[in-house]
Amino acid sequence: MGKAQTFYICDDNNVSTASEIEFSNNGTTVNGTLATTDIDSITMQIPDMHFVGGDMSMLTKYEAQKATYYTNTGTKITDLLTYVKEQGWNTIRVRLFVDPSNDSDKGVCQDIEYVKALGKRIKDAGMLLMLDFHYSDTWADPAKQWTPAEWLSLNNDQLYTKIYEYTKDCLEQMNAAGASPDFIQTGNEISYGMLWGATGSNANRCYVNSDANWPRFTTLLKQAGKACREICPQAKIILHIERVAQPNVIVNFYNQMKNKGVDYDIIGLSYYPYFHGDLSKLETAISTVETNFNKPIQIVETGYPSQYAIGGSTFDYTATYPYTNAGQKAFTADLITLLKNHPRVNGLSWWYPEANAKGCTGDLKNGWYNAGLFNNNNGKALDAFYELKNFR
């Protein structure tokens, strides 16, 4: 084998040829200085990267309402994005609605201008951005996938064009704003399809043991994915569902994606134990995915209360993990242990970690979300907040 003639070093986009190189181990030079002409090749083994963080879509609104954040020891946090990065987080998720002005819910406020500004802050803080398209004016989940009001008059062919053009336009705006996403969810918890129609419609839903509506749904996903590949080719596309307690639904969903040629990169799952069951349910779901599909897996939503039960909870896990600071931390630690036993799992995102009523002057001071990572009474970070970095 001939010896290398040049060796390239890149720094701040400047590429130059070096004649010598040295290697160090924790600051100590190994084997002295080497002439690059004596080097045949360099092989480096880089461990798989893990992506950890949270969906902080409400941060801008909390800041506007003067929420006050503190460390677990009581030191005031002046910039939460900077602080989460210092604590080992590297990925922040933000949701996007088509026209949130059509909904009065206090959590539905993320239009494209809001998301561009928050997205730029995330990127400027040195973290990765996960953009979560809801393709709705309101919350999109397995029970609600309502078509945006502005799109209701469109037929299917027109919707195929619209979702492409809308996705493309949003991504172009994100790029221009310095907020290019690194991960893109083309839909949120789309276990049974999306863009069903007007609120309350029973049309266009996709179920196990039926091929009805799947061609329409997968065409929508292909059109959205096409825009992602064209405008943000570096970004990874996530298809996100939440049927952790029903592995047969998971398998059917991703088989439909495979059989109909939907282009995507990552399988995204939601796991809320108070809805989905104990950790063994998640273990079974992940193992099922690993057996059937050769894709990376991310838990793009999770959470567990530190005080009170979440409204509508269907599973009581308090005998194992009480609704306390310590119980929330223990759940988080055990969740991470489980996930790290599955090499295919490379992402973990806590939903709504920034929830914090301390100091709030507006509507966020009431109706607390008690599965965030700050104490709503005193604004201090909970222990689970610091546990998340152990997924890295």
Protein backbone atom coordinates (compact mmCIF):
# COMPACT_ATOMS: atom_id res chain seq x y z
CA MET A 1 0.00 0.00 0.00
CA GLY A 2 1.35 3.43 -0.86
CA LYS A 3 1.79 5.92 1.92
CA ALA A 4 -0.58 8.87 2.35
CA GLN A 5 0.62 11.99 0.57
CA THR A 6 -1.65 14.51 2.33
CA PHE A 7 -3.52 14.78 5.59
CA TYR A 8 -6.38 17.23 6.02
CA ILE A 9 -7.27 19.13 9.16
CA CYS A 10 -10.57 21.04 9.26
CA ASP A 11 -11.09 23.94 11.62
CA ASP A 12 -13.89 26.49 11.27
CA ASN A 13 -14.46 25.40 7.67
CA ASN A 14 -10.79 25.99 6.82
CA VAL A 15 -9.10 23.01 5.17
CA SER A 16 -5.31 22.91 5.03
CA THR A 17 -2.64 20.31 4.47
CA ALA A 18 -0.55 19.33 7.48
CA SER A 19 2.88 17.78 7.29
CA GLU A 20 2.92 16.46 10.87
CA ILE A 21 0.42 15.16 13.38
CA GLU A 22 0.50 14.01 16.96
CA PHE A 23 -1.94 12.05 19.07
CA SER A 24 -2.64 12.55 22.75
CA ASN A 25 -4.34 10.61 25.49
CA ASN A 26 -5.81 12.97 28.10
CA GLY A 27 -3.19 15.56 27.25
CA THR A 28 -0.20 13.22 27.09
CA THR A 29 1.41 12.83 23.66
CA VAL A 30 1.46 9.25 22.40
CA ASN A 31 4.28 8.02 20.10
CA GLY A 32 5.65 11.52 19.54
CA THR A 33 5.15 13.62 16.43
CA LEU A 34 4.61 11.75 13.16
CA ALA A 35 5.18 12.87 9.60
CA THR A 36 1.96 12.46 7.65
CA THR A 37 3.93 10.89 4.80
CA ASP A 38 4.59 7.96 7.13
CA ILE A 39 0.90 7.34 7.83
CA ASP A 40 -0.99 4.84 5.69
CA SER A 41 -4.38 5.44 7.29
CA ILE A 42 -6.05 6.38 10.53
CA THR A 43 -8.92 4.31 11.91
CA MET A 44 -11.10 5.77 14.64
CA GLN A 45 -13.88 3.99 16.48
CA ILE A 46 -16.61 6.46 17.41
CA PRO A 47 -19.33 5.21 19.78
CA ASP A 48 -22.93 5.52 18.68
CA MET A 49 -24.37 8.86 19.74
CA HIS A 50 -27.32 9.00 22.08
CA PHE A 51 -29.80 11.86 21.88
CA VAL A 52 -31.30 13.02 25.16
CA GLY A 53 -33.40 16.01 26.13
CA GLY A 54 -37.02 17.04 26.15
CA ASP A 55 -39.94 18.66 24.39
CA MET A 56 -39.63 22.27 25.56
CA SER A 57 -42.28 23.74 23.28
CA MET A 58 -43.70 25.93 26.07
CA LEU A 59 -40.42 27.54 27.13
CA THR A 60 -41.00 30.86 25.35
CA LYS A 61 -44.43 31.26 26.92
CA TYR A 62 -43.13 30.40 30.41
CA GLU A 63 -40.38 32.96 30.00
CA ALA A 64 -42.91 35.58 28.87
CA GLN A 65 -44.95 34.89 32.01
CA LYS A 66 -41.86 35.30 34.23
CA ALA A 67 -41.49 31.70 35.39
CA THR A 68 -38.44 31.43 37.64
CA TYR A 69 -36.21 28.38 37.39
CA TYR A 70 -33.71 27.20 40.01
CA THR A 71 -31.17 24.43 40.30
CA ASN A 72 -31.85 21.68 42.83
CA THR A 73 -29.74 23.62 45.33
CA GLY A 74 -31.62 26.88 44.85
CA THR A 75 -29.36 28.81 42.47
CA LYS A 76 -31.35 30.85 39.97
CA ILE A 77 -31.06 29.63 36.36
CA THR A 78 -30.71 32.63 34.05
CA ASP A 79 -31.06 30.74 30.75
CA LEU A 80 -32.73 27.34 30.82
CA LEU A 81 -31.49 26.24 27.40
CA THR A 82 -27.89 26.91 28.40
CA TYR A 83 -28.42 25.07 31.66
CA VAL A 84 -29.96 21.93 30.16
CA LYS A 85 -27.02 21.69 27.76
CA GLU A 86 -24.62 22.01 30.70
CA GLN A 87 -26.45 19.10 32.32
CA GLY A 88 -25.82 16.82 29.35
CA TRP A 89 -28.90 17.37 27.19
CA ASN A 90 -28.21 17.60 23.47
CA THR A 91 -31.60 17.49 21.71
CA ILE A 92 -34.70 19.65 22.17
CA ARG A 93 -38.06 18.92 20.59
CA VAL A 94 -40.56 21.61 19.53
CA ARG A 95 -44.07 21.09 18.15
CA LEU A 96 -45.59 23.07 15.28
CA PHE A 97 -49.27 23.69 14.61
CA VAL A 98 -50.67 24.98 11.32
CA ASP A 99 -52.81 27.76 12.84
CA PRO A 100 -52.94 27.57 16.64
CA SER A 101 -55.05 30.74 16.78
CA ASN A 102 -58.00 28.43 16.05
CA ASP A 103 -57.59 26.80 19.49
CA SER A 104 -57.91 28.46 22.92
CA ASP A 105 -55.89 25.78 24.75
CA LYS A 106 -53.01 27.50 26.56
CA GLY A 107 -50.57 24.85 25.35
CA VAL A 108 -51.44 25.41 21.69
CA CYS A 109 -49.45 28.48 20.68
CA GLN A 110 -46.61 27.21 18.49
CA ASP A 111 -47.04 28.76 15.06
CA ILE A 112 -44.17 29.00 12.59
CA GLU A 113 -42.93 32.36 13.92
CA TYR A 114 -42.84 31.03 17.48
CA VAL A 115 -41.05 27.86 16.39
CA LYS A 116 -38.48 29.66 14.24
CA ALA A 117 -37.46 31.89 17.13
CA LEU A 118 -37.26 29.08 19.69
CA GLY A 119 -35.57 26.78 17.18
CA LYS A 120 -32.83 29.34 16.52
CA ARG A 121 -32.19 29.68 20.24
CA ILE A 122 -31.84 25.91 20.52
CA LYS A 123 -29.39 25.74 17.64
CA ASP A 124 -27.46 28.77 18.93
CA ALA A 125 -27.16 27.00 22.28
CA GLY A 126 -25.32 24.19 20.50
CA MET A 127 -28.06 21.58 20.64
CA LEU A 128 -29.95 19.56 18.05
CA LEU A 129 -33.53 20.42 17.11
CA MET A 130 -36.37 17.93 16.67
CA LEU A 131 -39.28 19.51 14.80
CA ASP A 132 -42.65 17.90 15.47
CA PHE A 133 -45.22 18.63 12.73
CA HIS A 134 -48.75 18.22 14.09
CA TYR A 135 -50.43 18.97 10.73
CA SER A 136 -53.37 20.33 12.70
CA ASP A 137 -54.53 23.53 14.38
CA THR A 138 -54.72 21.67 17.70
CA TRP A 139 -53.31 18.66 19.53
CA ALA A 140 -52.76 15.65 17.29
CA ASP A 141 -52.76 12.26 19.00
CA PRO A 142 -54.34 8.81 18.43
CA ALA A 143 -57.78 10.16 19.36
CA LYS A 144 -57.52 13.49 17.50
CA GLN A 145 -56.05 14.05 14.05
CA TRP A 146 -58.22 16.91 12.83
CA THR A 147 -57.46 18.57 9.52
CA PRO A 148 -56.50 22.28 9.76
CA ALA A 149 -59.45 24.58 9.12
CA GLU A 150 -57.77 26.13 6.11
CA TRP A 151 -57.35 22.70 4.48
CA LEU A 152 -60.85 21.30 5.07
CA SER A 153 -62.13 22.09 1.57
CA LEU A 154 -59.30 20.16 -0.13
CA ASN A 155 -59.81 16.75 -1.70
CA ASN A 156 -57.20 14.02 -1.29
CA ASP A 157 -55.15 14.97 -4.35
CA GLN A 158 -55.11 18.57 -3.21
CA LEU A 159 -54.11 17.49 0.31
CA TYR A 160 -51.17 15.55 -1.11
CA THR A 161 -49.95 18.74 -2.75
CA LYS A 162 -50.76 20.87 0.27
CA ILE A 163 -48.83 18.79 2.81
CA TYR A 164 -45.80 18.83 0.51
CA GLU A 165 -45.97 22.58 -0.06
CA TYR A 166 -46.67 23.37 3.62
CA THR A 167 -43.84 21.15 4.87
CA LYS A 168 -41.46 22.58 2.28
CA ASP A 169 -42.37 26.17 3.14
CA CYS A 170 -41.97 25.62 6.90
CA LEU A 171 -38.59 23.98 6.45
CA GLU A 172 -37.40 26.72 4.12
CA GLN A 173 -38.41 29.26 6.75
CA MET A 174 -36.64 27.28 9.48
CA ASN A 175 -33.45 27.13 7.40
CA ALA A 176 -33.56 30.86 6.66
CA ALA A 177 -34.05 31.60 10.36
CA GLY A 178 -30.96 29.63 11.37
CA ALA A 179 -33.14 26.93 12.90
CA SER A 180 -32.63 23.95 10.60
CA PRO A 181 -34.05 20.83 12.24
CA ASP A 182 -31.88 17.76 12.76
CA PHE A 183 -34.86 15.45 13.28
CA ILE A 184 -38.30 15.88 11.70
CA GLN A 185 -41.48 14.15 12.83
CA THR A 186 -43.95 14.08 9.96
CA GLY A 187 -46.94 13.80 12.25
CA ASN A 188 -47.49 13.34 15.97
CA GLU A 189 -48.69 10.02 17.43
CA ILE A 190 -50.07 8.96 14.07
CA SER A 191 -50.90 5.37 15.08
CA TYR A 192 -54.23 5.52 13.23
CA GLY A 193 -53.44 7.97 10.47
CA MET A 194 -53.75 11.75 10.23
CA LEU A 195 -55.73 14.56 8.58
CA TRP A 196 -58.98 12.73 9.30
CA GLY A 197 -61.20 15.71 8.43
CA ALA A 198 -63.28 18.12 10.52
CA THR A 199 -63.41 17.75 14.31
CA GLY A 200 -65.35 14.62 15.21
CA SER A 201 -65.03 12.99 11.79
CA ASN A 202 -64.86 9.19 11.69
CA ALA A 203 -63.39 9.19 8.18
CA ASN A 204 -59.86 8.34 7.00
CA ARG A 205 -58.78 6.32 10.03
CA CYS A 206 -56.33 3.43 9.66
CA TYR A 207 -56.73 0.23 11.65
CA VAL A 208 -55.21 -3.23 12.03
CA ASN A 209 -56.66 -5.95 9.78
CA SER A 210 -57.88 -3.45 7.21
CA ASP A 211 -56.15 -1.78 4.29
CA ALA A 212 -58.78 0.96 4.16
CA ASN A 213 -57.29 4.49 4.19
CA TRP A 214 -53.68 3.30 4.44
CA PRO A 215 -52.89 4.22 0.80
CA ARG A 216 -54.16 7.77 1.44
CA PHE A 217 -52.25 8.05 4.73
CA THR A 218 -48.98 6.73 3.37
CA THR A 219 -49.21 9.01 0.32
CA LEU A 220 -49.49 11.96 2.71
CA LEU A 221 -46.39 10.74 4.56
CA LYS A 222 -44.49 10.28 1.30
CA GLN A 223 -45.30 13.83 0.25
CA ALA A 224 -44.23 15.23 3.62
CA GLY A 225 -41.06 13.15 3.53
CA LYS A 226 -40.28 14.32 0.01
CA ALA A 227 -40.22 17.92 1.23
CA CYS A 228 -37.97 16.93 4.14
CA ARG A 229 -35.45 15.25 1.85
CA GLU A 230 -35.40 18.19 -0.54
CA ILE A 231 -35.09 21.03 1.97
CA CYS A 232 -33.35 19.39 4.93
CA PRO A 233 -31.48 16.42 3.45
CA GLN A 234 -29.29 16.11 6.54
CA ALA A 235 -32.30 15.68 8.87
CA LYS A 236 -33.58 12.29 10.01
CA ILE A 237 -37.28 11.58 9.51
CA ILE A 238 -39.14 10.07 12.47
CA LEU A 239 -42.47 8.24 12.22
CA HIS A 240 -44.08 8.48 15.65
CA ILE A 241 -46.77 6.29 17.21
CA GLU A 242 -47.73 5.48 20.81
CA ARG A 243 -49.22 1.98 20.92
CA VAL A 244 -46.58 0.61 23.32
CA ALA A 245 -49.18 -1.54 25.05
CA GLN A 246 -50.27 -3.06 21.70
CA PRO A 247 -47.26 -4.52 19.84
CA ASN A 248 -49.54 -5.89 17.12
CA VAL A 249 -50.55 -2.33 16.22
CA ILE A 250 -46.90 -1.29 16.13
CA VAL A 251 -45.97 -4.16 13.82
CA ASN A 252 -48.92 -3.52 11.53
CA PHE A 253 -48.13 0.20 11.33
CA TYR A 254 -44.49 -0.17 10.34
CA ASN A 255 -45.24 -3.07 8.01
CA GLN A 256 -47.68 -0.77 6.23
CA MET A 257 -44.90 1.80 5.95
CA LYS A 258 -42.51 -0.80 4.55
CA ASN A 259 -44.97 -2.37 2.14
CA LYS A 260 -46.08 0.98 0.77
CA GLY A 261 -42.56 2.36 0.41
CA VAL A 262 -42.63 5.21 2.93
CA ASP A 263 -39.17 6.74 3.30
CA TYR A 264 -38.11 7.36 6.92
CA ASP A 265 -35.17 6.84 9.25
CA ILE A 266 -36.27 6.36 12.85
CA ILE A 267 -39.09 4.64 14.72
CA GLY A 268 -40.44 7.02 17.36
CA LEU A 269 -42.50 5.85 20.35
CA SER A 270 -44.36 7.54 23.19
CA TYR A 271 -44.26 5.82 26.58
CA TYR A 272 -46.25 7.10 29.53
CA PRO A 273 -46.50 4.40 32.21
CA TYR A 274 -49.68 5.90 33.67
CA PHE A 275 -51.36 5.22 30.30
CA HIS A 276 -49.35 2.35 28.79
CA GLY A 277 -48.47 0.16 31.78
CA ASP A 278 -45.30 -0.89 33.54
CA LEU A 279 -41.81 -1.02 32.10
CA SER A 280 -42.28 -4.60 30.96
CA LYS A 281 -44.77 -3.27 28.38
CA LEU A 282 -42.08 -1.00 26.97
CA GLU A 283 -39.55 -3.84 27.04
CA THR A 284 -41.89 -6.02 24.98
CA ALA A 285 -42.64 -3.22 22.53
CA ILE A 286 -38.97 -2.41 21.92
CA SER A 287 -38.04 -6.08 21.54
CA THR A 288 -40.87 -6.52 19.05
CA VAL A 289 -39.67 -3.58 17.01
CA GLU A 290 -36.09 -4.84 17.07
CA THR A 291 -37.18 -8.27 15.88
CA ASN A 292 -39.26 -6.96 13.00
CA PHE A 293 -37.60 -3.75 11.78
CA ASN A 294 -34.02 -2.70 11.17
CA LYS A 295 -34.36 0.92 12.26
CA PRO A 296 -33.06 3.04 15.14
CA ILE A 297 -35.63 3.63 17.88
CA GLN A 298 -36.27 6.75 19.93
CA ILE A 299 -38.58 7.35 22.87
CA VAL A 300 -39.69 10.79 21.71
CA GLU A 301 -42.14 11.31 24.57
CA THR A 302 -42.13 10.09 28.16
CA GLY A 303 -42.82 11.39 31.63
CA TYR A 304 -43.77 10.49 35.19
CA PRO A 305 -45.36 12.58 37.97
CA SER A 306 -43.50 13.92 40.98
CA GLN A 307 -46.59 15.00 42.95
CA TYR A 308 -50.06 14.16 41.74
CA ALA A 309 -51.54 11.72 39.25
CA ILE A 310 -52.04 12.91 35.68
CA GLY A 311 -55.70 13.33 34.79
CA GLY A 312 -57.10 10.34 32.96
CA SER A 313 -54.39 7.95 34.20
CA THR A 314 -55.31 4.31 33.61
CA PHE A 315 -52.41 2.56 35.36
CA ASP A 316 -51.22 3.05 38.94
CA TYR A 317 -47.47 2.51 39.30
CA THR A 318 -47.14 4.18 42.69
CA ALA A 319 -46.43 0.95 44.58
CA THR A 320 -43.14 0.86 42.66
CA TYR A 321 -42.62 4.56 41.93
CA PRO A 322 -44.47 6.90 44.32
CA TYR A 323 -45.50 10.33 43.06
CA THR A 324 -42.56 12.00 44.77
CA ASN A 325 -39.25 13.51 43.75
CA ALA A 326 -37.52 10.25 44.68
CA GLY A 327 -40.13 8.13 42.92
CA GLN A 328 -39.84 10.13 39.70
CA LYS A 329 -36.05 9.83 39.82
CA ALA A 330 -36.21 6.06 40.43
CA PHE A 331 -38.55 5.61 37.46
CA THR A 332 -36.21 7.64 35.25
CA ALA A 333 -33.16 5.64 36.34
CA ASP A 334 -34.89 2.32 35.68
CA LEU A 335 -36.19 3.54 32.33
CA ILE A 336 -32.67 4.49 31.27
CA THR A 337 -31.30 1.14 32.41
CA LEU A 338 -33.89 -0.64 30.29
CA LEU A 339 -33.23 1.52 27.22
CA LYS A 340 -29.46 1.10 27.44
CA ASN A 341 -29.95 -2.66 27.23
CA HIS A 342 -31.24 -2.11 23.69
CA PRO A 343 -28.45 -0.84 21.39
CA ARG A 344 -30.98 0.12 18.72
CA VAL A 345 -32.50 2.73 21.05
CA ASN A 346 -30.60 5.99 20.60
CA GLY A 347 -33.01 8.70 21.77
CA LEU A 348 -34.90 9.73 24.91
CA SER A 349 -37.05 12.86 25.19
CA TRP A 350 -38.99 13.95 28.29
CA TRP A 351 -42.27 15.65 27.47
CA TYR A 352 -42.88 19.13 28.93
CA PRO A 353 -39.89 19.24 31.32
CA GLU A 354 -40.05 23.06 31.54
CA ALA A 355 -43.48 23.07 33.25
CA ASN A 356 -43.01 25.40 36.24
CA ALA A 357 -45.62 27.68 37.79
CA LYS A 358 -43.17 29.43 40.13
CA GLY A 359 -43.36 33.15 39.44
CA CYS A 360 -45.82 32.84 36.54
CA THR A 361 -48.02 35.86 36.01
CA GLY A 362 -50.44 34.46 33.41
CA ASP A 363 -52.55 31.41 32.67
CA LEU A 364 -49.63 29.00 33.22
CA LYS A 365 -49.70 29.62 36.96
CA ASN A 366 -52.85 27.48 37.14
CA GLY A 367 -53.64 23.96 35.98
CA TRP A 368 -50.19 22.56 36.75
CA TYR A 369 -48.64 19.72 34.82
CA ASN A 370 -47.08 17.52 37.49
CA ALA A 371 -44.87 15.32 35.33
CA GLY A 372 -42.42 18.06 34.42
CA LEU A 373 -38.92 18.29 35.85
CA PHE A 374 -39.33 21.36 38.05
CA ASN A 375 -41.23 21.77 41.29
CA ASN A 376 -44.23 23.99 40.55
CA ASN A 377 -44.17 25.40 44.08
CA ASN A 378 -40.56 26.51 44.39
CA GLY A 379 -39.21 26.30 40.83
CA LYS A 380 -36.35 23.95 41.76
CA ALA A 381 -35.13 21.26 39.38
CA LEU A 382 -36.15 17.76 40.42
CA ASP A 383 -33.71 14.89 40.71
CA ALA A 384 -35.00 13.19 37.55
CA PHE A 385 -33.81 16.23 35.59
CA TYR A 386 -30.22 15.36 36.45
CA GLU A 387 -30.78 11.64 35.91
CA LEU A 388 -31.51 12.04 32.20
CA LYS A 389 -27.88 12.71 31.27
CA ASN A 390 -27.10 9.11 32.19
CA PHE A 391 -28.68 8.02 28.93
CA ARG A 392 -25.80 9.63 27.01
